[in-house]
């Protein structure tokens, strides 16, 4: 299990092939199915499902759908410029890994603490989902404040516009403020969590 969370700062060998236009430095948005199709990402999705107590149908609506929306939004962005998961697709890998790890840790706790056991049982799945969503969203603000993303025509893309649909390029902002991404999460959680989940 630990091997799923250990990453080197290099491109994973089973990543989907880049569909970018190398001459112009453009990347094409990948379909969600392609983004999540790697062997490693499929294993992480399976680990996430195993750590819930849900049927496949309920898992699809409460976990898989938000994970798919997250994948569509973060595409091939790295999770950092020079630290953890600093490779194409690193943000997606990091999101899946941290959800799987958070759910593993969650199994060791009875929540909410200090309440009656019967209340903990009734609320167990809600707390599990809340922990998964918090883990998934903890770094999503990076795509709003750390990256400058533009389309081929030079127009700027912002993540609150929704997933990328046209070829794009990105660079890290030189003037970015470390940890500002924590505050920016509030701008983006509705892109991943729909009204029914909330």
N, C-alpha and C. Protein backbone atom coordinates (compact mmCIF):
# COMPACT_ATOMS: atom_id res chain seq x y z
N UNK A 1 0.83 -1.20 0.00
CA UNK A 1 0.00 0.00 0.00
C UNK A 1 0.86 1.25 0.00
N UNK A 2 1.93 1.26 0.79
CA UNK A 2 2.79 2.43 0.87
C UNK A 2 3.38 2.79 -0.49
N UNK A 3 3.63 1.79 -1.32
CA UNK A 3 4.22 2.08 -2.63
C UNK A 3 3.31 2.93 -3.50
N UNK A 4 2.00 2.90 -3.26
CA UNK A 4 1.10 3.74 -4.03
C UNK A 4 1.30 5.22 -3.74
N UNK A 5 1.83 5.55 -2.56
CA UNK A 5 1.97 6.94 -2.16
C UNK A 5 3.39 7.47 -2.35
N UNK A 6 4.32 6.60 -2.65
CA UNK A 6 5.68 7.06 -2.85
C UNK A 6 5.87 7.41 -4.32
N UNK A 7 6.25 8.65 -4.56
CA UNK A 7 6.42 9.13 -5.93
C UNK A 7 7.78 9.76 -6.07
N UNK A 8 8.38 9.57 -7.19
CA UNK A 8 9.59 10.30 -7.52
C UNK A 8 9.19 11.47 -8.39
N UNK A 9 10.06 12.44 -8.51
CA UNK A 9 9.77 13.62 -9.30
C UNK A 9 10.06 13.35 -10.77
N UNK A 10 9.36 12.39 -11.32
CA UNK A 10 9.50 12.08 -12.73
C UNK A 10 8.15 11.67 -13.28
N UNK A 11 8.07 11.64 -14.58
CA UNK A 11 6.83 11.27 -15.24
C UNK A 11 6.54 9.80 -14.99
N UNK A 12 5.36 9.46 -14.50
CA UNK A 12 5.02 8.05 -14.30
C UNK A 12 5.05 7.32 -15.64
N UNK A 13 5.43 6.04 -15.58
CA UNK A 13 5.57 5.29 -16.83
C UNK A 13 4.23 4.93 -17.46
N UNK A 14 3.16 4.92 -16.69
CA UNK A 14 1.88 4.54 -17.29
C UNK A 14 0.95 5.73 -17.49
N UNK A 15 1.51 6.94 -17.61
CA UNK A 15 0.69 8.12 -17.87
C UNK A 15 0.17 8.08 -19.29
N UNK A 16 -1.03 8.66 -19.53
CA UNK A 16 -1.52 8.72 -20.89
C UNK A 16 -0.56 9.55 -21.73
N UNK A 17 -0.41 9.21 -23.00
CA UNK A 17 0.51 9.98 -23.83
C UNK A 17 0.05 11.42 -23.93
N UNK A 18 1.04 12.32 -23.91
CA UNK A 18 0.71 13.75 -24.05
C UNK A 18 0.20 14.01 -25.45
N UNK A 19 -0.90 14.74 -25.53
CA UNK A 19 -1.47 15.04 -26.83
C UNK A 19 -1.22 16.50 -27.19
N UNK A 20 -0.15 17.06 -26.62
CA UNK A 20 0.15 18.46 -26.87
C UNK A 20 0.75 18.69 -28.23
N UNK A 21 0.65 19.91 -28.71
CA UNK A 21 1.28 20.35 -29.93
C UNK A 21 2.62 20.93 -29.52
N UNK A 22 3.70 20.13 -29.65
CA UNK A 22 4.99 20.51 -29.13
C UNK A 22 5.54 21.78 -29.77
N UNK A 23 5.23 22.02 -31.03
CA UNK A 23 5.75 23.20 -31.71
C UNK A 23 5.25 24.48 -31.06
N UNK A 24 4.02 24.50 -30.63
CA UNK A 24 3.44 25.71 -30.04
C UNK A 24 3.40 25.62 -28.51
N UNK A 25 3.88 24.53 -27.94
CA UNK A 25 3.82 24.36 -26.50
C UNK A 25 2.41 24.16 -25.98
N UNK A 26 1.51 23.70 -26.84
CA UNK A 26 0.11 23.53 -26.45
C UNK A 26 -0.18 22.09 -26.06
N UNK A 27 -1.08 21.94 -25.14
CA UNK A 27 -1.58 20.63 -24.74
C UNK A 27 -3.06 20.59 -25.05
N UNK A 28 -3.54 19.44 -25.42
CA UNK A 28 -4.98 19.28 -25.65
C UNK A 28 -5.60 18.70 -24.39
N UNK A 29 -6.78 19.20 -24.01
CA UNK A 29 -7.46 18.60 -22.85
C UNK A 29 -7.73 17.13 -23.09
N UNK A 30 -7.44 16.34 -22.08
CA UNK A 30 -7.65 14.89 -22.16
C UNK A 30 -9.05 14.54 -21.66
N UNK A 31 -9.70 13.57 -22.28
CA UNK A 31 -10.98 13.10 -21.71
C UNK A 31 -10.74 12.47 -20.33
N UNK A 32 -11.72 12.58 -19.47
CA UNK A 32 -11.60 12.05 -18.11
C UNK A 32 -11.27 10.56 -18.13
N UNK A 33 -11.92 9.82 -19.01
CA UNK A 33 -11.67 8.37 -19.08
C UNK A 33 -10.19 8.09 -19.36
N UNK A 34 -9.59 8.88 -20.21
CA UNK A 34 -8.17 8.72 -20.53
C UNK A 34 -7.30 9.10 -19.34
N UNK A 35 -7.64 10.20 -18.68
CA UNK A 35 -6.86 10.65 -17.52
C UNK A 35 -6.86 9.61 -16.40
N UNK A 36 -7.98 8.96 -16.20
CA UNK A 36 -8.11 8.00 -15.09
C UNK A 36 -7.80 6.56 -15.49
N UNK A 37 -7.36 6.34 -16.72
CA UNK A 37 -7.21 4.98 -17.23
C UNK A 37 -5.88 4.31 -16.88
N UNK A 38 -4.93 5.04 -16.35
CA UNK A 38 -3.64 4.40 -16.07
C UNK A 38 -3.83 3.33 -14.99
N UNK A 39 -2.97 2.35 -15.02
CA UNK A 39 -3.04 1.25 -14.05
C UNK A 39 -2.97 1.77 -12.62
N UNK A 40 -2.06 2.68 -12.38
CA UNK A 40 -1.88 3.22 -11.03
C UNK A 40 -3.12 3.97 -10.56
N UNK A 41 -3.69 4.80 -11.41
CA UNK A 41 -4.88 5.56 -11.03
C UNK A 41 -6.08 4.65 -10.84
N UNK A 42 -6.19 3.59 -11.62
CA UNK A 42 -7.27 2.64 -11.42
C UNK A 42 -7.12 1.92 -10.08
N UNK A 43 -5.89 1.61 -9.70
CA UNK A 43 -5.66 0.98 -8.39
C UNK A 43 -6.04 1.93 -7.26
N UNK A 44 -5.69 3.20 -7.41
CA UNK A 44 -6.06 4.18 -6.38
C UNK A 44 -7.57 4.30 -6.27
N UNK A 45 -8.27 4.33 -7.40
CA UNK A 45 -9.74 4.39 -7.36
C UNK A 45 -10.32 3.16 -6.66
N UNK A 46 -9.72 2.02 -6.90
CA UNK A 46 -10.18 0.79 -6.25
C UNK A 46 -9.94 0.86 -4.74
N UNK A 47 -8.79 1.37 -4.34
CA UNK A 47 -8.50 1.54 -2.90
C UNK A 47 -9.50 2.50 -2.26
N UNK A 48 -9.82 3.56 -2.96
CA UNK A 48 -10.78 4.53 -2.42
C UNK A 48 -12.14 3.85 -2.23
N UNK A 49 -12.59 3.10 -3.22
CA UNK A 49 -13.88 2.41 -3.10
C UNK A 49 -13.86 1.42 -1.93
N UNK A 50 -12.78 0.67 -1.78
CA UNK A 50 -12.69 -0.32 -0.71
C UNK A 50 -12.75 0.31 0.68
N UNK A 51 -12.40 1.57 0.79
CA UNK A 51 -12.39 2.24 2.08
C UNK A 51 -13.72 2.92 2.39
N UNK A 52 -14.66 2.76 1.51
CA UNK A 52 -16.02 3.25 1.78
C UNK A 52 -16.88 2.02 2.04
N UNK A 53 -18.04 2.23 2.58
CA UNK A 53 -18.95 1.11 2.82
C UNK A 53 -20.14 1.22 1.88
N UNK A 54 -19.86 1.57 0.64
CA UNK A 54 -20.94 1.86 -0.31
C UNK A 54 -20.99 0.86 -1.45
N UNK A 55 -22.16 0.73 -2.00
CA UNK A 55 -22.30 -0.06 -3.23
C UNK A 55 -21.59 0.69 -4.35
N UNK A 56 -21.34 0.02 -5.44
CA UNK A 56 -20.70 0.66 -6.60
C UNK A 56 -21.55 1.84 -7.09
N UNK A 57 -22.87 1.67 -7.06
CA UNK A 57 -23.76 2.73 -7.55
C UNK A 57 -23.64 3.99 -6.68
N UNK A 58 -23.69 3.83 -5.38
CA UNK A 58 -23.56 4.99 -4.49
C UNK A 58 -22.15 5.57 -4.54
N UNK A 59 -21.14 4.69 -4.66
CA UNK A 59 -19.77 5.17 -4.80
C UNK A 59 -19.63 6.03 -6.06
N UNK A 60 -20.26 5.62 -7.14
CA UNK A 60 -20.17 6.37 -8.40
C UNK A 60 -20.70 7.79 -8.25
N UNK A 61 -21.80 7.95 -7.54
CA UNK A 61 -22.37 9.30 -7.42
C UNK A 61 -21.69 10.13 -6.34
N UNK A 62 -21.30 9.51 -5.22
CA UNK A 62 -20.73 10.27 -4.11
C UNK A 62 -19.22 10.47 -4.17
N UNK A 63 -18.51 9.57 -4.84
CA UNK A 63 -17.06 9.67 -4.90
C UNK A 63 -16.53 9.76 -6.32
N UNK A 64 -16.94 8.83 -7.18
CA UNK A 64 -16.36 8.80 -8.52
C UNK A 64 -16.71 10.05 -9.32
N UNK A 65 -17.94 10.52 -9.25
CA UNK A 65 -18.32 11.73 -10.00
C UNK A 65 -17.48 12.94 -9.59
N UNK A 66 -17.30 13.23 -8.28
CA UNK A 66 -16.41 14.34 -7.91
C UNK A 66 -14.96 14.11 -8.36
N UNK A 67 -14.49 12.87 -8.27
CA UNK A 67 -13.13 12.58 -8.71
C UNK A 67 -12.99 12.82 -10.21
N UNK A 68 -14.01 12.48 -10.97
CA UNK A 68 -13.98 12.73 -12.41
C UNK A 68 -14.01 14.22 -12.72
N UNK A 69 -14.82 14.98 -11.99
CA UNK A 69 -14.85 16.44 -12.19
C UNK A 69 -13.50 17.06 -11.82
N UNK A 70 -12.88 16.54 -10.77
CA UNK A 70 -11.55 16.99 -10.38
C UNK A 70 -10.54 16.71 -11.50
N UNK A 71 -10.58 15.51 -12.03
CA UNK A 71 -9.66 15.13 -13.12
C UNK A 71 -9.85 16.04 -14.34
N UNK A 72 -11.10 16.32 -14.70
CA UNK A 72 -11.37 17.19 -15.84
C UNK A 72 -10.81 18.59 -15.60
N UNK A 73 -10.82 19.04 -14.37
CA UNK A 73 -10.36 20.38 -14.04
C UNK A 73 -8.84 20.48 -13.98
N UNK A 74 -8.18 19.50 -13.38
CA UNK A 74 -6.72 19.59 -13.19
C UNK A 74 -5.93 19.03 -14.37
N UNK A 75 -6.56 18.28 -15.25
CA UNK A 75 -5.93 17.78 -16.47
C UNK A 75 -4.52 17.24 -16.22
N UNK A 76 -3.53 17.79 -16.91
CA UNK A 76 -2.14 17.33 -16.81
C UNK A 76 -1.28 18.30 -15.99
N UNK A 77 -1.91 19.14 -15.17
CA UNK A 77 -1.13 20.08 -14.37
C UNK A 77 -0.31 19.34 -13.33
N UNK A 78 0.91 19.80 -13.07
CA UNK A 78 1.67 19.23 -11.95
C UNK A 78 1.13 19.77 -10.64
N UNK A 79 1.47 19.12 -9.53
CA UNK A 79 1.02 19.59 -8.22
C UNK A 79 1.92 20.68 -7.68
N UNK A 80 3.12 20.79 -8.19
CA UNK A 80 4.05 21.84 -7.76
C UNK A 80 5.06 22.07 -8.87
N UNK A 81 5.80 23.14 -8.75
CA UNK A 81 6.81 23.45 -9.77
C UNK A 81 8.07 22.63 -9.56
N UNK A 82 8.50 22.48 -8.31
CA UNK A 82 9.76 21.79 -8.07
C UNK A 82 9.74 20.89 -6.83
N UNK A 83 8.58 20.69 -6.22
CA UNK A 83 8.50 19.86 -5.01
C UNK A 83 7.76 18.57 -5.33
N UNK A 84 6.80 18.18 -4.51
CA UNK A 84 6.12 16.90 -4.71
C UNK A 84 5.25 16.92 -5.97
N UNK A 85 5.23 15.80 -6.66
CA UNK A 85 4.38 15.60 -7.84
C UNK A 85 4.59 16.68 -8.90
N UNK A 86 5.84 17.04 -9.12
CA UNK A 86 6.19 18.09 -10.09
C UNK A 86 6.40 17.49 -11.47
N UNK A 87 5.38 16.85 -11.99
CA UNK A 87 5.42 16.25 -13.33
C UNK A 87 4.04 16.36 -13.94
N UNK A 88 3.93 16.23 -15.26
CA UNK A 88 2.59 16.31 -15.90
C UNK A 88 1.65 15.26 -15.30
N UNK A 89 0.49 15.71 -14.86
CA UNK A 89 -0.48 14.82 -14.23
C UNK A 89 -0.28 14.67 -12.73
N UNK A 90 0.70 15.37 -12.18
CA UNK A 90 1.01 15.24 -10.76
C UNK A 90 -0.12 15.69 -9.85
N UNK A 91 -0.87 16.70 -10.27
CA UNK A 91 -1.98 17.19 -9.44
C UNK A 91 -3.06 16.10 -9.32
N UNK A 92 -3.34 15.42 -10.40
CA UNK A 92 -4.34 14.35 -10.36
C UNK A 92 -3.85 13.19 -9.51
N UNK A 93 -2.61 12.78 -9.70
CA UNK A 93 -2.06 11.70 -8.87
C UNK A 93 -2.11 12.07 -7.39
N UNK A 94 -1.69 13.29 -7.08
CA UNK A 94 -1.67 13.73 -5.69
C UNK A 94 -3.09 13.73 -5.10
N UNK A 95 -4.06 14.22 -5.86
CA UNK A 95 -5.44 14.23 -5.37
C UNK A 95 -5.94 12.83 -5.05
N UNK A 96 -5.71 11.89 -5.95
CA UNK A 96 -6.16 10.51 -5.73
C UNK A 96 -5.42 9.87 -4.55
N UNK A 97 -4.12 10.09 -4.48
CA UNK A 97 -3.32 9.51 -3.39
C UNK A 97 -3.77 10.02 -2.03
N UNK A 98 -3.99 11.31 -1.94
CA UNK A 98 -4.32 11.89 -0.64
C UNK A 98 -5.72 11.47 -0.19
N UNK A 99 -6.64 11.28 -1.14
CA UNK A 99 -7.97 10.78 -0.78
C UNK A 99 -7.86 9.35 -0.26
N UNK A 100 -7.11 8.51 -0.97
CA UNK A 100 -6.95 7.12 -0.53
C UNK A 100 -6.30 7.06 0.85
N UNK A 101 -5.29 7.89 1.07
CA UNK A 101 -4.60 7.89 2.36
C UNK A 101 -5.49 8.43 3.47
N UNK A 102 -6.22 9.51 3.19
CA UNK A 102 -7.12 10.09 4.21
C UNK A 102 -8.19 9.08 4.62
N UNK A 103 -8.71 8.34 3.65
CA UNK A 103 -9.74 7.34 3.98
C UNK A 103 -9.15 6.17 4.76
N UNK A 104 -7.91 5.85 4.50
CA UNK A 104 -7.24 4.81 5.29
C UNK A 104 -7.12 5.27 6.75
N UNK A 105 -6.67 6.52 6.95
CA UNK A 105 -6.55 7.05 8.31
C UNK A 105 -7.91 7.17 8.98
N UNK A 106 -8.92 7.53 8.22
CA UNK A 106 -10.27 7.72 8.76
C UNK A 106 -10.80 6.45 9.41
N UNK A 107 -10.38 5.29 8.90
CA UNK A 107 -10.86 4.02 9.45
C UNK A 107 -10.45 3.82 10.91
N UNK A 108 -9.48 4.59 11.37
CA UNK A 108 -8.99 4.45 12.75
C UNK A 108 -9.72 5.35 13.74
N UNK A 109 -10.68 6.12 13.26
CA UNK A 109 -11.35 7.09 14.12
C UNK A 109 -12.86 6.90 14.12
N UNK A 110 -13.46 7.14 15.28
CA UNK A 110 -14.91 7.18 15.41
C UNK A 110 -15.31 8.65 15.47
N UNK A 111 -16.09 9.07 14.50
CA UNK A 111 -16.46 10.48 14.39
C UNK A 111 -17.97 10.65 14.38
N UNK A 112 -18.47 11.73 14.89
CA UNK A 112 -17.75 12.79 15.59
C UNK A 112 -17.35 12.32 16.99
N UNK A 113 -16.16 12.71 17.40
CA UNK A 113 -15.65 12.26 18.70
C UNK A 113 -16.50 12.87 19.82
N UNK A 114 -16.60 12.11 20.89
CA UNK A 114 -17.33 12.60 22.06
C UNK A 114 -18.83 12.42 21.99
N UNK A 115 -19.33 11.77 20.94
CA UNK A 115 -20.77 11.54 20.85
C UNK A 115 -21.07 10.06 21.10
N UNK A 116 -22.33 9.76 21.22
CA UNK A 116 -22.75 8.38 21.49
C UNK A 116 -22.41 7.48 20.29
N UNK A 117 -22.06 6.22 20.57
CA UNK A 117 -21.72 5.29 19.49
C UNK A 117 -22.81 5.17 18.42
N UNK A 118 -24.07 5.21 18.85
CA UNK A 118 -25.14 5.08 17.84
C UNK A 118 -25.18 6.29 16.90
N UNK A 119 -24.82 7.48 17.43
CA UNK A 119 -24.74 8.67 16.57
C UNK A 119 -23.56 8.56 15.61
N UNK A 120 -22.45 8.00 16.09
CA UNK A 120 -21.29 7.81 15.23
C UNK A 120 -21.60 6.86 14.08
N UNK A 121 -22.35 5.81 14.37
CA UNK A 121 -22.72 4.86 13.31
C UNK A 121 -23.61 5.52 12.28
N UNK A 122 -24.59 6.28 12.73
CA UNK A 122 -25.52 6.95 11.82
C UNK A 122 -24.79 7.95 10.92
N UNK A 123 -23.79 8.63 11.47
CA UNK A 123 -23.11 9.69 10.73
C UNK A 123 -21.83 9.22 10.04
N UNK A 124 -21.48 7.97 10.14
CA UNK A 124 -20.19 7.47 9.67
C UNK A 124 -19.91 7.80 8.20
N UNK A 125 -20.86 7.50 7.32
CA UNK A 125 -20.61 7.72 5.89
C UNK A 125 -20.52 9.19 5.54
N UNK A 126 -21.28 10.03 6.23
CA UNK A 126 -21.19 11.47 5.98
C UNK A 126 -19.81 12.00 6.36
N UNK A 127 -19.28 11.53 7.49
CA UNK A 127 -17.95 11.96 7.91
C UNK A 127 -16.89 11.43 6.96
N UNK A 128 -17.05 10.20 6.52
CA UNK A 128 -16.09 9.62 5.57
C UNK A 128 -16.05 10.44 4.29
N UNK A 129 -17.21 10.79 3.77
CA UNK A 129 -17.27 11.58 2.53
C UNK A 129 -16.67 12.96 2.75
N UNK A 130 -16.97 13.59 3.88
CA UNK A 130 -16.43 14.92 4.15
C UNK A 130 -14.91 14.90 4.20
N UNK A 131 -14.34 13.86 4.80
CA UNK A 131 -12.89 13.74 4.86
C UNK A 131 -12.31 13.55 3.46
N UNK A 132 -12.96 12.73 2.65
CA UNK A 132 -12.50 12.51 1.27
C UNK A 132 -12.54 13.81 0.47
N UNK A 133 -13.62 14.57 0.59
CA UNK A 133 -13.75 15.81 -0.17
C UNK A 133 -12.71 16.84 0.28
N UNK A 134 -12.49 16.94 1.59
CA UNK A 134 -11.49 17.88 2.09
C UNK A 134 -10.10 17.50 1.59
N UNK A 135 -9.80 16.23 1.58
CA UNK A 135 -8.50 15.77 1.09
C UNK A 135 -8.35 16.08 -0.40
N UNK A 136 -9.38 15.81 -1.16
CA UNK A 136 -9.33 16.04 -2.60
C UNK A 136 -9.13 17.52 -2.93
N UNK A 137 -9.79 18.38 -2.20
CA UNK A 137 -9.80 19.80 -2.52
C UNK A 137 -8.67 20.60 -1.89
N UNK A 138 -7.86 20.00 -1.04
CA UNK A 138 -6.90 20.78 -0.26
C UNK A 138 -5.91 21.57 -1.10
N UNK A 139 -5.56 21.12 -2.29
CA UNK A 139 -4.59 21.83 -3.13
C UNK A 139 -5.19 22.39 -4.42
N UNK A 140 -6.48 22.26 -4.62
CA UNK A 140 -7.05 22.64 -5.91
C UNK A 140 -6.89 24.14 -6.20
N UNK A 141 -6.77 24.94 -5.17
CA UNK A 141 -6.58 26.38 -5.38
C UNK A 141 -5.31 26.71 -6.13
N UNK A 142 -4.35 25.77 -6.17
CA UNK A 142 -3.10 26.01 -6.90
C UNK A 142 -3.36 26.31 -8.38
N UNK A 143 -4.37 25.68 -8.97
CA UNK A 143 -4.58 25.93 -10.40
C UNK A 143 -5.17 27.32 -10.65
N UNK A 144 -5.65 27.97 -9.60
CA UNK A 144 -6.19 29.32 -9.73
C UNK A 144 -5.13 30.39 -9.45
N UNK A 145 -4.24 30.14 -8.51
CA UNK A 145 -3.32 31.20 -8.10
C UNK A 145 -1.85 30.94 -8.42
N UNK A 146 -1.46 29.69 -8.61
CA UNK A 146 -0.05 29.40 -8.91
C UNK A 146 0.23 29.34 -10.41
N UNK A 147 -0.78 29.00 -11.19
CA UNK A 147 -0.59 28.80 -12.63
C UNK A 147 -1.22 29.92 -13.44
N UNK A 148 -0.57 30.26 -14.53
CA UNK A 148 -1.19 31.11 -15.55
C UNK A 148 -1.46 30.19 -16.73
N UNK A 149 -2.73 30.02 -17.08
CA UNK A 149 -3.13 29.11 -18.14
C UNK A 149 -3.77 29.93 -19.26
N UNK A 150 -3.32 29.68 -20.49
CA UNK A 150 -3.90 30.42 -21.60
C UNK A 150 -4.20 29.49 -22.75
N UNK A 151 -5.20 29.89 -23.54
CA UNK A 151 -5.57 29.15 -24.75
C UNK A 151 -4.62 29.53 -25.88
N UNK A 152 -4.74 28.84 -27.00
CA UNK A 152 -3.88 29.09 -28.15
C UNK A 152 -3.98 30.53 -28.63
N UNK A 153 -5.14 31.15 -28.49
CA UNK A 153 -5.32 32.54 -28.95
C UNK A 153 -4.81 33.56 -27.94
N UNK A 154 -4.23 33.11 -26.84
CA UNK A 154 -3.68 34.02 -25.84
C UNK A 154 -4.66 34.40 -24.74
N UNK A 155 -5.93 34.03 -24.86
CA UNK A 155 -6.89 34.36 -23.82
C UNK A 155 -6.62 33.52 -22.57
N UNK A 156 -6.86 34.10 -21.42
CA UNK A 156 -6.59 33.45 -20.14
C UNK A 156 -7.74 32.55 -19.74
N UNK A 157 -7.39 31.36 -19.26
CA UNK A 157 -8.39 30.44 -18.70
C UNK A 157 -8.32 30.53 -17.18
N UNK A 158 -9.48 30.57 -16.57
CA UNK A 158 -9.58 30.51 -15.12
C UNK A 158 -10.40 29.27 -14.77
N UNK A 159 -10.04 28.55 -13.73
CA UNK A 159 -10.74 27.30 -13.42
C UNK A 159 -12.22 27.46 -13.09
N UNK A 160 -12.65 28.64 -12.66
CA UNK A 160 -14.08 28.83 -12.38
C UNK A 160 -14.88 28.92 -13.66
N UNK A 161 -14.21 28.95 -14.82
CA UNK A 161 -14.90 28.87 -16.11
C UNK A 161 -15.32 27.44 -16.44
N UNK A 162 -14.81 26.50 -15.69
CA UNK A 162 -15.10 25.09 -15.96
C UNK A 162 -13.89 24.43 -16.60
N UNK A 163 -13.98 23.13 -16.87
CA UNK A 163 -12.84 22.40 -17.44
C UNK A 163 -12.39 22.97 -18.78
N UNK A 164 -11.13 22.79 -19.06
CA UNK A 164 -10.56 23.20 -20.33
C UNK A 164 -11.20 22.43 -21.48
N UNK A 165 -11.51 23.13 -22.55
CA UNK A 165 -12.10 22.48 -23.73
C UNK A 165 -11.28 22.74 -24.99
N UNK A 166 -10.30 23.63 -24.91
CA UNK A 166 -9.47 23.98 -26.06
C UNK A 166 -8.00 23.79 -25.70
N UNK A 167 -7.13 23.65 -26.72
CA UNK A 167 -5.70 23.52 -26.42
C UNK A 167 -5.21 24.67 -25.54
N UNK A 168 -4.27 24.36 -24.68
CA UNK A 168 -3.81 25.32 -23.68
C UNK A 168 -2.32 25.14 -23.41
N UNK A 169 -1.76 26.15 -22.80
CA UNK A 169 -0.39 26.09 -22.27
C UNK A 169 -0.44 26.71 -20.87
N UNK A 170 0.54 26.39 -20.07
CA UNK A 170 0.57 26.97 -18.72
C UNK A 170 2.00 27.23 -18.29
N UNK A 171 2.12 28.11 -17.34
CA UNK A 171 3.41 28.40 -16.71
C UNK A 171 3.12 28.76 -15.25
N UNK A 172 4.12 28.60 -14.43
CA UNK A 172 3.98 29.01 -13.04
C UNK A 172 4.17 30.52 -12.94
N UNK A 173 3.34 31.16 -12.14
CA UNK A 173 3.46 32.59 -11.91
C UNK A 173 4.70 32.85 -11.04
N UNK A 174 5.52 33.77 -11.48
CA UNK A 174 6.72 34.10 -10.71
C UNK A 174 6.38 34.88 -9.44
N UNK A 175 5.25 35.61 -9.46
CA UNK A 175 4.87 36.43 -8.32
C UNK A 175 3.89 35.74 -7.36
N UNK A 176 3.76 34.41 -7.49
CA UNK A 176 2.77 33.72 -6.66
C UNK A 176 3.19 33.75 -5.20
N UNK A 177 2.18 33.74 -4.35
CA UNK A 177 2.40 33.70 -2.91
C UNK A 177 2.14 32.29 -2.42
N UNK A 178 3.14 31.72 -1.81
CA UNK A 178 3.01 30.37 -1.28
C UNK A 178 1.89 30.35 -0.23
N UNK A 179 1.05 29.35 -0.28
CA UNK A 179 -0.09 29.12 0.62
C UNK A 179 -1.33 29.95 0.29
N UNK A 180 -1.27 30.80 -0.70
CA UNK A 180 -2.48 31.51 -1.13
C UNK A 180 -3.50 30.52 -1.70
N UNK A 181 -3.00 29.39 -2.18
CA UNK A 181 -3.91 28.39 -2.76
C UNK A 181 -4.92 27.87 -1.74
N UNK A 182 -4.57 27.90 -0.46
CA UNK A 182 -5.53 27.45 0.57
C UNK A 182 -6.79 28.30 0.53
N UNK A 183 -6.63 29.61 0.42
CA UNK A 183 -7.79 30.51 0.37
C UNK A 183 -8.54 30.36 -0.95
N UNK A 184 -7.82 30.08 -2.03
CA UNK A 184 -8.44 29.97 -3.36
C UNK A 184 -9.32 28.74 -3.51
N UNK A 185 -9.17 27.78 -2.62
CA UNK A 185 -10.02 26.58 -2.69
C UNK A 185 -11.49 26.96 -2.64
N UNK A 186 -11.83 27.98 -1.87
CA UNK A 186 -13.22 28.41 -1.76
C UNK A 186 -13.82 28.86 -3.08
N UNK A 187 -12.98 29.24 -4.03
CA UNK A 187 -13.46 29.65 -5.35
C UNK A 187 -13.82 28.46 -6.23
N UNK A 188 -13.29 27.28 -5.89
CA UNK A 188 -13.36 26.16 -6.83
C UNK A 188 -14.11 24.92 -6.37
N UNK A 189 -14.46 24.85 -5.09
CA UNK A 189 -15.04 23.59 -4.63
C UNK A 189 -16.34 23.24 -5.35
N UNK A 190 -17.09 24.26 -5.81
CA UNK A 190 -18.34 23.98 -6.53
C UNK A 190 -18.09 23.39 -7.92
N UNK A 191 -16.88 23.50 -8.42
CA UNK A 191 -16.54 22.88 -9.69
C UNK A 191 -16.43 21.36 -9.53
N UNK A 192 -16.19 20.90 -8.31
CA UNK A 192 -15.99 19.48 -8.05
C UNK A 192 -17.18 18.86 -7.32
N UNK A 193 -17.72 19.58 -6.33
CA UNK A 193 -18.84 19.07 -5.55
C UNK A 193 -20.13 19.71 -6.04
N UNK A 194 -21.04 18.90 -6.51
CA UNK A 194 -22.29 19.47 -7.05
C UNK A 194 -23.29 19.76 -5.92
N UNK A 195 -24.38 20.39 -6.28
CA UNK A 195 -25.39 20.78 -5.30
C UNK A 195 -25.97 19.61 -4.53
N UNK A 196 -26.15 18.48 -5.19
CA UNK A 196 -26.73 17.31 -4.51
C UNK A 196 -25.80 16.82 -3.41
N UNK A 197 -24.50 16.79 -3.68
CA UNK A 197 -23.54 16.35 -2.66
C UNK A 197 -23.52 17.34 -1.51
N UNK A 198 -23.50 18.63 -1.83
CA UNK A 198 -23.46 19.63 -0.77
C UNK A 198 -24.73 19.60 0.05
